[in-house]
Structure formats: C-alpha cells, structure tokens
C-alpha cells in the first residue's frame, strides 16, 4: 500500500530562499517520521541527511537501506513524503493559473480533450490541468529519468469510477484532493498494486522553522 505522510504549512517568510529552506526541512522531517513509523528506523534530520545519496538522474535513496523506496515533494503550502515497497514518485500542487501554452507542450491530444471536457469553467479547468500535471511529474519521479523526458511520451486517463490508467501498464497511479485544496498524485512501479493510498496527516513535524 502506498503511504504518504503530508503536512500543510504557512510560509515563514516572503523570501524564496527562506521558504525553500522551510520546505526542505519539512520534507526531511516527514521522511524521518515515515522511516520511524513504517520501518522502525530512528533518524534525526542530520543523520538522515548523511544517509541520502542520489541516482544518476538525481533521485534520492538511502545508502544503507536501498530497499526502502520513498519520494518527497513540496509546493506552496504543502510538503509530503511517500513510501512503498517498489519505486515511487509523488507530486503535489495547489491548482491555480497555468500558461495556456503548457497544454500543447505537456498533454497528449487525448489528455487535452479530457481537459476540455472536464474544464467547463475556470476553476475546474485549473484543477484538471493540475490533476494531469501532477501525475506526469509523479511518473517522471518514479522512473528517475530526470526532467528532460518529454511529458507527451506517456499519458493518463480516468475511468468512470475515478480509477487512473497510465499508458505504461507497469505503473499504478493514485490521486487525492486534500482538504487544503492541493492535488496529490502518486505513481508506483507495480502494475498489480491496486490498493488504495494511505494518507497520514502529520501533526508532529512542526512548521519547519
């Protein structure tokens, strides 16, 4: 079962470097919380930093525990860390304005059609674009292929029951709209895994300051 620890937050400042540092610390705290809760591994922020290594394209892993698959994301107002027994990618965004040119750059024709059908007003169009965008980002993070992969090379569709299918049949995908309004998406390298996502709203990581 994919498990996600997440924590909404208020920015500590208007300064981008300060917010970036805040998000970084929140991500590390959620990683430590997940390792303790799920695997009974005790790390501080400093000791977990010593454990972190990166694959060729930048995907992080724990040097002494490579069998533990995790991925961290943060965006405006939210940090999250996802865990699974197989490679996993997670992405989250708060729907808002997006440049119209992105539709042609990142969505396939089928996805663009889905956006036109679902996006019947300004708010729903923003939401559905970011539903697709976060799935794309989660997939890239799962594969560890890096940011240069063309996002139109793979696609997603939604069934009537809300089930998400990826053109890569070895990927299982999950999505939730959080109470904060954020869209959170997961991709897992396990085509047979249809278990629902487990969300854990962490209340112990603090503000990240």
N, C-alpha and C. Protein backbone atom coordinates (compact mmCIF):
# COMPACT_ATOMS: atom_id res chain seq x y z
N UNK A 1 0.84 -1.20 0.00
CA UNK A 1 0.00 0.00 0.00
C UNK A 1 0.88 1.25 0.00
N UNK A 2 0.68 2.16 -0.95
CA UNK A 2 1.43 3.42 -0.91
C UNK A 2 1.00 4.23 0.31
N UNK A 3 1.97 4.75 1.04
CA UNK A 3 1.70 5.53 2.24
C UNK A 3 2.33 6.91 2.09
N UNK A 4 1.55 7.94 2.38
CA UNK A 4 2.04 9.31 2.24
C UNK A 4 1.86 10.05 3.55
N UNK A 5 2.96 10.59 4.06
CA UNK A 5 2.91 11.50 5.19
C UNK A 5 2.92 12.91 4.62
N UNK A 6 1.98 13.74 5.04
CA UNK A 6 1.92 15.09 4.48
C UNK A 6 1.64 16.10 5.58
N UNK A 7 2.00 17.36 5.29
CA UNK A 7 1.84 18.41 6.28
C UNK A 7 1.63 19.75 5.58
N UNK A 8 0.44 20.33 5.67
CA UNK A 8 0.25 21.69 5.17
C UNK A 8 1.03 22.67 6.07
N UNK A 9 1.47 23.77 5.50
CA UNK A 9 2.23 24.73 6.28
C UNK A 9 1.95 26.15 5.79
N UNK A 10 2.25 27.10 6.65
CA UNK A 10 2.21 28.52 6.30
C UNK A 10 3.63 28.98 6.01
N UNK A 11 3.87 29.65 4.89
CA UNK A 11 5.23 30.13 4.59
C UNK A 11 5.77 30.99 5.73
N UNK A 12 7.03 30.77 6.06
CA UNK A 12 7.65 31.50 7.16
C UNK A 12 8.06 32.91 6.77
N UNK A 13 8.04 33.20 5.47
CA UNK A 13 8.54 34.49 5.00
C UNK A 13 8.07 34.68 3.57
N UNK A 14 8.26 35.90 3.05
CA UNK A 14 8.04 36.16 1.63
C UNK A 14 9.29 35.86 0.82
N UNK A 15 10.38 35.55 1.50
CA UNK A 15 11.66 35.29 0.85
C UNK A 15 11.69 33.88 0.28
N UNK A 16 11.97 33.75 -1.01
CA UNK A 16 12.02 32.42 -1.63
C UNK A 16 13.07 31.53 -0.99
N UNK A 17 14.31 32.01 -0.71
CA UNK A 17 15.29 31.14 -0.05
C UNK A 17 14.82 30.64 1.31
N UNK A 18 14.13 31.48 2.08
CA UNK A 18 13.63 31.06 3.39
C UNK A 18 12.55 30.00 3.23
N UNK A 19 11.64 30.19 2.28
CA UNK A 19 10.58 29.21 2.05
C UNK A 19 11.18 27.89 1.55
N UNK A 20 12.18 27.98 0.67
CA UNK A 20 12.83 26.76 0.17
C UNK A 20 13.46 25.98 1.31
N UNK A 21 14.13 26.68 2.23
CA UNK A 21 14.74 26.02 3.37
C UNK A 21 13.67 25.40 4.28
N UNK A 22 12.56 26.10 4.44
CA UNK A 22 11.45 25.59 5.25
C UNK A 22 10.90 24.30 4.64
N UNK A 23 10.67 24.29 3.33
CA UNK A 23 10.14 23.11 2.66
C UNK A 23 11.13 21.95 2.73
N UNK A 24 12.41 22.26 2.57
CA UNK A 24 13.45 21.22 2.65
C UNK A 24 13.41 20.54 4.02
N UNK A 25 13.33 21.35 5.07
CA UNK A 25 13.32 20.79 6.42
C UNK A 25 12.05 19.99 6.67
N UNK A 26 10.91 20.47 6.21
CA UNK A 26 9.67 19.73 6.37
C UNK A 26 9.75 18.37 5.68
N UNK A 27 10.31 18.36 4.47
CA UNK A 27 10.45 17.10 3.75
C UNK A 27 11.31 16.11 4.51
N UNK A 28 12.40 16.58 5.08
CA UNK A 28 13.29 15.70 5.84
C UNK A 28 12.58 15.19 7.10
N UNK A 29 11.82 16.05 7.75
CA UNK A 29 11.11 15.62 8.96
C UNK A 29 10.06 14.56 8.63
N UNK A 30 9.37 14.73 7.52
CA UNK A 30 8.38 13.73 7.11
C UNK A 30 9.06 12.41 6.74
N UNK A 31 10.23 12.49 6.11
CA UNK A 31 10.99 11.28 5.80
C UNK A 31 11.36 10.55 7.09
N UNK A 32 11.85 11.29 8.07
CA UNK A 32 12.21 10.68 9.34
C UNK A 32 11.00 10.06 10.03
N UNK A 33 9.87 10.75 9.97
CA UNK A 33 8.65 10.23 10.60
C UNK A 33 8.20 8.94 9.92
N UNK A 34 8.25 8.92 8.60
CA UNK A 34 7.85 7.71 7.89
C UNK A 34 8.77 6.54 8.15
N UNK A 35 10.07 6.80 8.19
CA UNK A 35 11.04 5.73 8.47
C UNK A 35 10.82 5.16 9.87
N UNK A 36 10.47 6.02 10.82
CA UNK A 36 10.22 5.55 12.18
C UNK A 36 8.91 4.78 12.27
N UNK A 37 7.85 5.31 11.67
CA UNK A 37 6.52 4.70 11.77
C UNK A 37 6.43 3.39 11.00
N UNK A 38 6.96 3.37 9.78
CA UNK A 38 6.78 2.22 8.90
C UNK A 38 7.88 1.17 9.04
N UNK A 39 9.10 1.61 9.36
CA UNK A 39 10.24 0.69 9.33
C UNK A 39 10.98 0.60 10.66
N UNK A 40 10.53 1.34 11.67
CA UNK A 40 11.16 1.34 12.97
C UNK A 40 12.64 1.74 12.89
N UNK A 41 12.92 2.67 12.02
CA UNK A 41 14.27 3.22 11.87
C UNK A 41 14.29 4.63 12.44
N UNK A 42 15.22 4.88 13.34
CA UNK A 42 15.28 6.17 14.02
C UNK A 42 16.41 7.02 13.46
N UNK A 43 16.02 8.16 12.84
CA UNK A 43 16.99 9.11 12.30
C UNK A 43 16.62 10.51 12.75
N UNK A 44 17.64 11.32 12.97
CA UNK A 44 17.43 12.75 13.12
C UNK A 44 17.54 13.38 11.74
N UNK A 45 17.22 14.66 11.64
CA UNK A 45 17.37 15.34 10.35
C UNK A 45 18.80 15.29 9.86
N UNK A 46 19.75 15.41 10.79
CA UNK A 46 21.17 15.39 10.40
C UNK A 46 21.62 14.01 9.98
N UNK A 47 21.22 12.98 10.73
CA UNK A 47 21.69 11.63 10.39
C UNK A 47 21.03 11.10 9.12
N UNK A 48 19.79 11.49 8.87
CA UNK A 48 19.15 11.03 7.63
C UNK A 48 19.80 11.72 6.44
N UNK A 49 20.25 12.95 6.62
CA UNK A 49 20.94 13.66 5.54
C UNK A 49 22.21 12.92 5.15
N UNK A 50 22.89 12.34 6.14
CA UNK A 50 24.11 11.58 5.88
C UNK A 50 23.81 10.29 5.11
N UNK A 51 22.58 9.78 5.24
CA UNK A 51 22.19 8.55 4.57
C UNK A 51 21.82 8.77 3.10
N UNK A 52 21.47 9.99 2.74
CA UNK A 52 20.90 10.25 1.43
C UNK A 52 21.97 10.28 0.34
N UNK A 53 21.73 9.52 -0.71
CA UNK A 53 22.56 9.53 -1.92
C UNK A 53 21.63 9.77 -3.10
N UNK A 54 22.21 10.00 -4.27
CA UNK A 54 21.40 10.26 -5.46
C UNK A 54 21.79 9.33 -6.60
N UNK A 55 20.75 8.86 -7.31
CA UNK A 55 21.00 8.10 -8.52
C UNK A 55 21.53 9.03 -9.62
N UNK A 56 21.85 8.47 -10.76
CA UNK A 56 22.46 9.25 -11.84
C UNK A 56 21.64 10.48 -12.22
N UNK A 57 20.32 10.34 -12.23
CA UNK A 57 19.46 11.46 -12.62
C UNK A 57 18.91 12.24 -11.43
N UNK A 58 19.47 11.99 -10.25
CA UNK A 58 19.15 12.82 -9.10
C UNK A 58 18.12 12.27 -8.14
N UNK A 59 17.55 11.10 -8.39
CA UNK A 59 16.56 10.56 -7.47
C UNK A 59 17.24 10.09 -6.19
N UNK A 60 16.76 10.53 -5.02
CA UNK A 60 17.43 10.17 -3.77
C UNK A 60 17.10 8.76 -3.31
N UNK A 61 18.05 8.16 -2.57
CA UNK A 61 17.82 6.88 -1.92
C UNK A 61 18.68 6.84 -0.66
N UNK A 62 18.38 5.88 0.22
CA UNK A 62 19.14 5.70 1.45
C UNK A 62 20.24 4.68 1.19
N UNK A 63 21.49 5.09 1.40
CA UNK A 63 22.61 4.23 1.01
C UNK A 63 22.63 2.90 1.76
N UNK A 64 22.19 2.87 3.01
CA UNK A 64 22.20 1.63 3.78
C UNK A 64 20.88 0.87 3.72
N UNK A 65 19.85 1.49 3.11
CA UNK A 65 18.54 0.86 3.03
C UNK A 65 17.94 1.09 1.64
N UNK A 66 18.63 0.62 0.59
CA UNK A 66 18.14 0.88 -0.78
C UNK A 66 16.82 0.20 -1.09
N UNK A 67 16.42 -0.77 -0.26
CA UNK A 67 15.15 -1.46 -0.47
C UNK A 67 13.95 -0.62 -0.06
N UNK A 68 14.19 0.47 0.66
CA UNK A 68 13.11 1.37 1.07
C UNK A 68 12.93 2.43 0.00
N UNK A 69 11.80 2.41 -0.67
CA UNK A 69 11.53 3.38 -1.74
C UNK A 69 10.70 4.53 -1.18
N UNK A 70 11.17 5.74 -1.42
CA UNK A 70 10.47 6.92 -0.93
C UNK A 70 10.65 8.05 -1.94
N UNK A 71 9.83 9.06 -1.81
CA UNK A 71 9.95 10.24 -2.65
C UNK A 71 9.32 11.42 -1.93
N UNK A 72 9.92 12.58 -2.07
CA UNK A 72 9.50 13.78 -1.36
C UNK A 72 9.03 14.82 -2.37
N UNK A 73 7.99 15.55 -2.02
CA UNK A 73 7.55 16.68 -2.82
C UNK A 73 7.17 17.83 -1.91
N UNK A 74 7.29 19.04 -2.41
CA UNK A 74 6.77 20.20 -1.69
C UNK A 74 6.37 21.25 -2.71
N UNK A 75 5.36 21.99 -2.34
CA UNK A 75 4.85 23.06 -3.19
C UNK A 75 4.29 24.12 -2.26
N UNK A 76 3.66 25.12 -2.80
CA UNK A 76 3.13 26.20 -1.99
C UNK A 76 2.15 25.66 -0.95
N UNK A 77 2.55 25.70 0.32
CA UNK A 77 1.65 25.33 1.40
C UNK A 77 1.60 23.87 1.76
N UNK A 78 2.44 23.01 1.15
CA UNK A 78 2.36 21.58 1.45
C UNK A 78 3.71 20.91 1.24
N UNK A 79 4.02 19.98 2.15
CA UNK A 79 5.16 19.07 1.98
C UNK A 79 4.64 17.65 2.17
N UNK A 80 5.21 16.68 1.45
CA UNK A 80 4.76 15.29 1.55
C UNK A 80 5.91 14.35 1.26
N UNK A 81 5.84 13.18 1.87
CA UNK A 81 6.82 12.13 1.62
C UNK A 81 6.08 10.81 1.48
N UNK A 82 6.31 10.11 0.36
CA UNK A 82 5.60 8.87 0.05
C UNK A 82 6.54 7.67 0.17
N UNK A 83 5.99 6.53 0.57
CA UNK A 83 6.75 5.30 0.76
C UNK A 83 6.02 4.14 0.09
N UNK A 84 6.82 3.18 -0.40
CA UNK A 84 6.24 1.97 -0.98
C UNK A 84 7.34 0.91 -1.07
N UNK A 85 6.92 -0.33 -1.35
CA UNK A 85 7.89 -1.42 -1.49
C UNK A 85 8.52 -1.44 -2.88
N UNK A 86 7.98 -0.64 -3.81
CA UNK A 86 8.51 -0.53 -5.17
C UNK A 86 8.83 0.94 -5.44
N UNK A 87 9.59 1.23 -6.50
CA UNK A 87 9.88 2.63 -6.85
C UNK A 87 8.60 3.46 -6.90
N UNK A 88 8.67 4.67 -6.34
CA UNK A 88 7.50 5.52 -6.20
C UNK A 88 7.86 6.96 -6.51
N UNK A 89 6.90 7.68 -7.05
CA UNK A 89 7.05 9.12 -7.27
C UNK A 89 5.82 9.83 -6.77
N UNK A 90 6.00 11.01 -6.18
CA UNK A 90 4.88 11.78 -5.66
C UNK A 90 5.03 13.23 -6.09
N UNK A 91 3.91 13.85 -6.39
CA UNK A 91 3.92 15.28 -6.72
C UNK A 91 2.64 15.90 -6.21
N UNK A 92 2.71 17.18 -5.85
CA UNK A 92 1.54 17.89 -5.36
C UNK A 92 1.58 19.33 -5.84
N UNK A 93 0.41 19.88 -6.10
CA UNK A 93 0.29 21.28 -6.49
C UNK A 93 -1.04 21.82 -5.99
N UNK A 94 -1.06 23.11 -5.74
CA UNK A 94 -2.31 23.81 -5.45
C UNK A 94 -2.79 24.42 -6.76
N UNK A 95 -3.93 23.97 -7.29
CA UNK A 95 -4.39 24.47 -8.60
C UNK A 95 -4.47 25.99 -8.64
N UNK A 96 -4.06 26.53 -9.76
CA UNK A 96 -4.08 27.97 -9.97
C UNK A 96 -3.78 28.25 -11.43
N UNK A 97 -3.34 29.46 -11.71
CA UNK A 97 -3.06 29.84 -13.09
C UNK A 97 -1.97 28.97 -13.70
N UNK A 98 -2.13 28.62 -14.96
CA UNK A 98 -1.08 27.98 -15.73
C UNK A 98 -1.07 28.59 -17.13
N UNK A 99 0.11 28.66 -17.71
CA UNK A 99 0.24 29.24 -19.05
C UNK A 99 -0.45 28.33 -20.07
N UNK A 100 -1.35 28.85 -20.90
CA UNK A 100 -2.08 28.00 -21.87
C UNK A 100 -1.15 27.20 -22.79
N UNK A 101 0.05 27.73 -23.05
CA UNK A 101 0.97 27.01 -23.95
C UNK A 101 1.37 25.65 -23.39
N UNK A 102 1.26 25.48 -22.05
CA UNK A 102 1.61 24.21 -21.42
C UNK A 102 0.72 23.08 -21.89
N UNK A 103 -0.51 23.39 -22.26
CA UNK A 103 -1.42 22.34 -22.73
C UNK A 103 -0.82 21.63 -23.94
N UNK A 104 -0.31 22.40 -24.88
CA UNK A 104 0.30 21.81 -26.08
C UNK A 104 1.64 21.17 -25.80
N UNK A 105 2.34 21.68 -24.80
CA UNK A 105 3.69 21.19 -24.53
C UNK A 105 3.71 19.89 -23.73
N UNK A 106 2.74 19.71 -22.82
CA UNK A 106 2.85 18.57 -21.90
C UNK A 106 1.72 17.55 -22.03
N UNK A 107 0.59 17.91 -22.63
CA UNK A 107 -0.54 16.99 -22.71
C UNK A 107 -0.65 16.36 -24.09
N UNK A 108 -1.00 15.08 -24.11
CA UNK A 108 -1.30 14.42 -25.38
C UNK A 108 -2.65 14.93 -25.89
N UNK A 109 -3.00 14.58 -27.12
CA UNK A 109 -4.29 15.00 -27.67
C UNK A 109 -5.44 14.48 -26.83
N UNK A 110 -5.32 13.24 -26.35
CA UNK A 110 -6.39 12.65 -25.54
C UNK A 110 -6.51 13.38 -24.21
N UNK A 111 -5.38 13.73 -23.61
CA UNK A 111 -5.42 14.44 -22.33
C UNK A 111 -5.96 15.86 -22.51
N UNK A 112 -5.58 16.52 -23.62
CA UNK A 112 -6.10 17.85 -23.90
C UNK A 112 -7.61 17.81 -24.10
N UNK A 113 -8.10 16.74 -24.73
CA UNK A 113 -9.55 16.58 -24.91
C UNK A 113 -10.23 16.38 -23.55
N UNK A 114 -9.61 15.56 -22.69
CA UNK A 114 -10.15 15.36 -21.34
C UNK A 114 -10.24 16.70 -20.60
N UNK A 115 -9.20 17.51 -20.74
CA UNK A 115 -9.19 18.82 -20.08
C UNK A 115 -10.32 19.70 -20.60
N UNK A 116 -10.57 19.65 -21.90
CA UNK A 116 -11.64 20.48 -22.46
C UNK A 116 -13.01 20.00 -22.01
N UNK A 117 -13.17 18.69 -21.81
CA UNK A 117 -14.45 18.14 -21.37
C UNK A 117 -14.68 18.42 -19.89
N UNK A 118 -13.66 18.22 -19.08
CA UNK A 118 -13.79 18.39 -17.63
C UNK A 118 -13.70 19.86 -17.22
N UNK A 119 -12.93 20.64 -17.96
CA UNK A 119 -12.70 22.03 -17.58
C UNK A 119 -13.77 22.96 -18.11
N UNK A 120 -14.96 22.83 -17.59
CA UNK A 120 -16.09 23.59 -18.12
C UNK A 120 -16.15 25.02 -17.59
N UNK A 121 -15.33 25.32 -16.57
CA UNK A 121 -15.21 26.69 -16.08
C UNK A 121 -13.77 26.90 -15.63
N UNK A 122 -13.47 28.11 -15.23
CA UNK A 122 -12.10 28.48 -14.90
C UNK A 122 -11.51 27.59 -13.80
N UNK A 123 -12.28 27.39 -12.72
CA UNK A 123 -11.76 26.63 -11.58
C UNK A 123 -11.57 25.15 -11.93
N UNK A 124 -12.54 24.57 -12.62
CA UNK A 124 -12.41 23.15 -12.96
C UNK A 124 -11.31 22.93 -13.99
N UNK A 125 -11.10 23.89 -14.89
CA UNK A 125 -10.00 23.76 -15.86
C UNK A 125 -8.66 23.79 -15.14
N UNK A 126 -8.50 24.70 -14.19
CA UNK A 126 -7.26 24.75 -13.41
C UNK A 126 -7.05 23.43 -12.68
N UNK A 127 -8.10 22.92 -12.03
CA UNK A 127 -7.97 21.68 -11.26
C UNK A 127 -7.58 20.51 -12.15
N UNK A 128 -8.24 20.36 -13.29
CA UNK A 128 -7.96 19.20 -14.14
C UNK A 128 -6.60 19.31 -14.81
N UNK A 129 -6.16 20.51 -15.11
CA UNK A 129 -4.80 20.61 -15.64
C UNK A 129 -3.80 20.11 -14.60
N UNK A 130 -3.97 20.50 -13.36
CA UNK A 130 -3.01 20.09 -12.34
C UNK A 130 -3.20 18.65 -11.91
N UNK A 131 -4.39 18.08 -12.12
CA UNK A 131 -4.52 16.64 -11.93
C UNK A 131 -3.61 15.89 -12.91
N UNK A 132 -3.61 16.34 -14.15
CA UNK A 132 -2.76 15.71 -15.16
C UNK A 132 -1.28 16.05 -14.95
N UNK A 133 -1.00 17.30 -14.64
CA UNK A 133 0.38 17.75 -14.45
C UNK A 133 1.06 16.98 -13.31
N UNK A 134 0.37 16.84 -12.17
CA UNK A 134 0.98 16.16 -11.03
C UNK A 134 1.19 14.67 -11.31
N UNK A 135 0.30 14.06 -12.10
CA UNK A 135 0.53 12.67 -12.50
C UNK A 135 1.77 12.56 -13.37
N UNK A 136 1.95 13.51 -14.29
CA UNK A 136 3.14 13.50 -15.15
C UNK A 136 4.41 13.61 -14.31
N UNK A 137 4.40 14.55 -13.37
CA UNK A 137 5.57 14.76 -12.53
C UNK A 137 5.84 13.56 -11.63
N UNK A 138 4.78 12.97 -11.08
CA UNK A 138 4.95 11.79 -10.23
C UNK A 138 5.53 10.62 -11.02
N UNK A 139 5.08 10.46 -12.27
CA UNK A 139 5.61 9.38 -13.10
C UNK A 139 7.10 9.57 -13.37
N UNK A 140 7.49 10.77 -13.73
CA UNK A 140 8.90 11.05 -14.00
C UNK A 140 9.74 10.80 -12.75
N UNK A 141 9.22 11.19 -11.60
CA UNK A 141 9.97 10.98 -10.36
C UNK A 141 10.04 9.50 -10.01
N UNK A 142 8.99 8.74 -10.31
CA UNK A 142 9.03 7.30 -10.08
C UNK A 142 10.11 6.63 -10.92
N UNK A 143 10.15 6.98 -12.21
CA UNK A 143 11.11 6.34 -13.11
C UNK A 143 12.54 6.82 -12.87
N UNK A 144 12.70 8.01 -12.29
CA UNK A 144 14.03 8.55 -12.08
C UNK A 144 14.73 8.94 -13.35
N UNK A 145 13.95 9.24 -14.40
CA UNK A 145 14.55 9.55 -15.70
C UNK A 145 14.99 11.00 -15.83
N UNK A 146 14.64 11.84 -14.86
CA UNK A 146 15.08 13.23 -14.93
C UNK A 146 14.07 14.13 -15.61
N UNK A 147 14.35 15.42 -15.55
CA UNK A 147 13.39 16.42 -16.01
C UNK A 147 13.34 16.59 -17.52
N UNK A 148 14.27 15.98 -18.24
CA UNK A 148 14.33 16.18 -19.68
C UNK A 148 13.43 15.24 -20.47
N UNK A 149 12.79 14.28 -19.81
CA UNK A 149 11.93 13.35 -20.53
C UNK A 149 10.72 14.11 -21.09
N UNK A 150 10.36 13.89 -22.36
CA UNK A 150 9.18 14.56 -22.93
C UNK A 150 7.90 14.10 -22.24
N UNK A 151 7.13 15.03 -21.73
CA UNK A 151 5.95 14.67 -20.95
C UNK A 151 4.80 14.18 -21.81
N UNK A 152 4.91 14.34 -23.13
CA UNK A 152 3.86 13.83 -24.02
C UNK A 152 4.14 12.38 -24.46
N UNK A 153 5.25 11.82 -23.97
CA UNK A 153 5.59 10.44 -24.33
C UNK A 153 4.78 9.41 -23.55
N UNK A 154 4.06 9.83 -22.55
CA UNK A 154 3.21 8.93 -21.77
C UNK A 154 1.95 9.70 -21.40
N UNK A 155 0.91 8.98 -21.03
CA UNK A 155 -0.38 9.65 -20.82
C UNK A 155 -1.18 8.97 -19.73
N UNK A 156 -2.25 9.66 -19.32
CA UNK A 156 -3.13 9.16 -18.27
C UNK A 156 -4.58 9.33 -18.69
N UNK A 157 -5.41 8.42 -18.23
CA UNK A 157 -6.85 8.51 -18.47
C UNK A 157 -7.58 8.16 -17.18
N UNK A 158 -8.82 8.62 -17.08
CA UNK A 158 -9.63 8.42 -15.88
C UNK A 158 -10.86 7.61 -16.23
N UNK A 159 -11.10 6.53 -15.49
CA UNK A 159 -12.30 5.74 -15.70
C UNK A 159 -13.50 6.39 -15.04
N UNK A 160 -14.68 5.87 -15.31
CA UNK A 160 -15.90 6.43 -14.73
C UNK A 160 -15.91 6.34 -13.21
N UNK A 161 -15.19 5.34 -12.67
CA UNK A 161 -15.11 5.17 -11.22
C UNK A 161 -13.97 5.98 -10.61
N UNK A 162 -13.30 6.78 -11.44
CA UNK A 162 -12.19 7.59 -10.96
C UNK A 162 -10.85 6.89 -11.01
N UNK A 163 -10.84 5.61 -11.39
CA UNK A 163 -9.58 4.87 -11.47
C UNK A 163 -8.71 5.48 -12.56
N UNK A 164 -7.42 5.58 -12.28
CA UNK A 164 -6.48 6.21 -13.20
C UNK A 164 -5.66 5.14 -13.91
N UNK A 165 -5.57 5.25 -15.22
CA UNK A 165 -4.75 4.33 -16.01
C UNK A 165 -3.62 5.10 -16.66
N UNK A 166 -2.44 4.50 -16.65
CA UNK A 166 -1.27 5.09 -17.30
C UNK A 166 -0.97 4.29 -18.56
N UNK A 167 -0.46 4.97 -19.59
CA UNK A 167 -0.08 4.26 -20.82
C UNK A 167 1.03 3.26 -20.55
N UNK A 168 1.81 3.46 -19.51
CA UNK A 168 2.79 2.49 -19.04
C UNK A 168 2.07 1.55 -18.08
N UNK A 169 1.76 0.36 -18.54
CA UNK A 169 0.93 -0.55 -17.76
C UNK A 169 1.65 -1.11 -16.54
N UNK A 170 2.94 -0.87 -16.40
CA UNK A 170 3.64 -1.32 -15.21
C UNK A 170 3.56 -0.29 -14.09
N UNK A 171 2.87 0.80 -14.32
CA UNK A 171 2.72 1.85 -13.30
C UNK A 171 1.30 1.86 -12.76
N UNK A 172 1.18 1.90 -11.45
CA UNK A 172 -0.10 2.11 -10.79
C UNK A 172 -0.16 3.56 -10.32
N UNK A 173 -1.31 4.18 -10.47
CA UNK A 173 -1.41 5.61 -10.19
C UNK A 173 -2.57 5.89 -9.23
N UNK A 174 -2.36 6.86 -8.36
CA UNK A 174 -3.34 7.22 -7.35
C UNK A 174 -3.38 8.74 -7.26
N UNK A 175 -4.53 9.26 -6.85
CA UNK A 175 -4.66 10.71 -6.74
C UNK A 175 -5.69 11.07 -5.68
N UNK A 176 -5.38 12.12 -4.92
CA UNK A 176 -6.31 12.62 -3.92
C UNK A 176 -6.32 14.14 -3.97
N UNK A 177 -7.51 14.71 -3.73
CA UNK A 177 -7.60 16.13 -3.49
C UNK A 177 -7.70 16.33 -2.00
N UNK A 178 -6.70 16.98 -1.41
CA UNK A 178 -6.63 17.14 0.03
C UNK A 178 -7.60 18.22 0.51
N UNK A 179 -7.85 18.22 1.80
CA UNK A 179 -8.75 19.21 2.37
C UNK A 179 -8.22 20.63 2.19
N UNK A 180 -6.91 20.76 2.01
CA UNK A 180 -6.29 22.06 1.77
C UNK A 180 -6.50 22.56 0.35
N UNK A 181 -7.04 21.68 -0.53
CA UNK A 181 -7.22 22.03 -1.93
C UNK A 181 -6.12 21.54 -2.83
N UNK A 182 -5.02 21.06 -2.25
CA UNK A 182 -3.91 20.55 -3.06
C UNK A 182 -4.29 19.25 -3.77
N UNK A 183 -3.78 19.08 -4.97
CA UNK A 183 -3.88 17.81 -5.68
C UNK A 183 -2.61 17.04 -5.44
N UNK A 184 -2.73 15.82 -4.92
CA UNK A 184 -1.57 14.97 -4.64
C UNK A 184 -1.67 13.72 -5.49
N UNK A 185 -0.61 13.44 -6.26
CA UNK A 185 -0.61 12.29 -7.17
C UNK A 185 0.58 11.38 -6.89
N UNK A 186 0.34 10.07 -7.07
CA UNK A 186 1.37 9.06 -6.87
C UNK A 186 1.46 8.16 -8.08
N UNK A 187 2.67 7.74 -8.40
CA UNK A 187 2.87 6.66 -9.36
C UNK A 187 3.81 5.64 -8.73
N UNK A 188 3.45 4.36 -8.86
CA UNK A 188 4.21 3.27 -8.25
C UNK A 188 4.58 2.27 -9.32
N UNK A 189 5.81 1.78 -9.28
CA UNK A 189 6.25 0.79 -10.25
C UNK A 189 5.79 -0.59 -9.79
N UNK A 190 4.51 -0.83 -9.97
CA UNK A 190 3.92 -2.10 -9.57
C UNK A 190 2.55 -2.20 -10.19
N UNK A 191 2.47 -2.71 -11.42
CA UNK A 191 1.23 -2.69 -12.17
C UNK A 191 0.10 -3.47 -11.54
N UNK A 192 0.43 -4.36 -10.60
CA UNK A 192 -0.63 -5.18 -9.99
C UNK A 192 -1.15 -4.57 -8.69
N UNK A 193 -0.56 -3.46 -8.25
CA UNK A 193 -0.93 -2.87 -6.97
C UNK A 193 -2.14 -1.96 -7.15
N UNK A 194 -3.29 -2.40 -6.70
CA UNK A 194 -4.49 -1.59 -6.79
C UNK A 194 -5.00 -1.17 -5.42
N UNK A 195 -4.16 -1.37 -4.38
CA UNK A 195 -4.57 -0.99 -3.04
C UNK A 195 -4.65 0.53 -2.93
N UNK A 196 -5.58 1.04 -2.14
CA UNK A 196 -5.74 2.49 -2.04
C UNK A 196 -4.58 3.14 -1.31
N UNK A 197 -4.41 4.41 -1.56
CA UNK A 197 -3.37 5.19 -0.91
C UNK A 197 -3.72 5.40 0.56
N UNK A 198 -2.73 5.29 1.44
CA UNK A 198 -2.90 5.61 2.84
C UNK A 198 -2.31 6.99 3.11
N UNK A 199 -3.14 7.92 3.53
CA UNK A 199 -2.69 9.28 3.82
C UNK A 199 -2.58 9.48 5.32
N UNK A 200 -1.43 10.01 5.76
CA UNK A 200 -1.22 10.30 7.17
C UNK A 200 -0.89 11.78 7.30
N UNK A 201 -1.84 12.51 7.87
CA UNK A 201 -1.66 13.95 8.08
C UNK A 201 -0.79 14.13 9.32
N UNK A 202 0.47 14.43 9.11
CA UNK A 202 1.40 14.57 10.22
C UNK A 202 1.11 15.86 10.98
N UNK A 203 1.04 15.72 12.29
CA UNK A 203 0.86 16.88 13.14
C UNK A 203 2.03 17.05 14.10
N UNK A 204 3.14 16.33 13.82
CA UNK A 204 4.26 16.34 14.74
C UNK A 204 5.52 16.96 14.16
N UNK A 205 5.48 17.37 12.89
CA UNK A 205 6.72 17.85 12.27
C UNK A 205 6.93 19.34 12.49
N UNK A 206 5.95 20.05 13.04
CA UNK A 206 6.13 21.47 13.30
C UNK A 206 6.02 22.30 12.04
N UNK A 207 6.53 23.51 12.09
CA UNK A 207 6.41 24.44 10.99
C UNK A 207 7.56 24.38 10.01
N UNK A 208 8.63 23.69 10.40
CA UNK A 208 9.80 23.63 9.53
C UNK A 208 10.79 24.73 9.83
N UNK A 209 10.53 25.57 10.82
CA UNK A 209 11.44 26.67 11.16
C UNK A 209 12.60 26.16 11.99
